[in-house]
Amino acid sequence: MKTRPWFRRVTDDGGFLHLIDRGEQQLAKLLALVLCVVIAAATFELVGVVIGSLFTSNRRWMGDDLTAVLGDLLNLLIALEVLQNITSYLRRHVVQIELVLLTAITAVARKVIVLPPGAENKPQLLVGLGIAVLCLAAAFWLVRSLSLRKPPSRTGPAIRNRELDPSSPDDGHDEH
């Protein structure tokens, strides 16, 4: 049974890695577009709520109302950080763990800032958040200190190694 050339190109290591890399890039672009739409819609909704609240005389800006607005603002900031993670991946073709950890730290900080009413009576929640903050901070410090010593090992898309892949069309040999 004879294999087709396109099938061989896709199933060899270099072709397969290229296919996977292209799929990751296209999916990341789609996710970035969806996230942009979500961020824009949430921003318009938040602006509408704040403007509407300015003209409502019985609205208080302290207490639960302020906490709700701060929570929404911090959610938007977290969404922007996730978008930054995606665009960074598209630029460098590598997941930047520092950005991911900073996004996680922001998410935990948001939870701490806008603790729900009665959270002070839930010691497990407070201890859990404290442990999460410590672990994320330690992980960020560790990654940061390691990245200052050594550059990232992968800085581009997967490519086939022409020396190890004799089926590569550009192996440096003249076919004349």
Foldseek 3Di string as FASTA:
>chain_A
DDDDPVVVLCPDPQNVLVVVLVVLLVVLVVVLVVLVVVLVVLVVVLVVVVVVLVPDPVDDCDDPVVLVSLLSVLVSVLSVLVSVQSVVCNVFVDRDVLSVLVSQLSVLVNCVSNPDPPVVVPVVVVVVSVVSNVVSVVVNVVVVVVCVVDPDPGGDGDGDDLVVDVVDPPNPDDPD
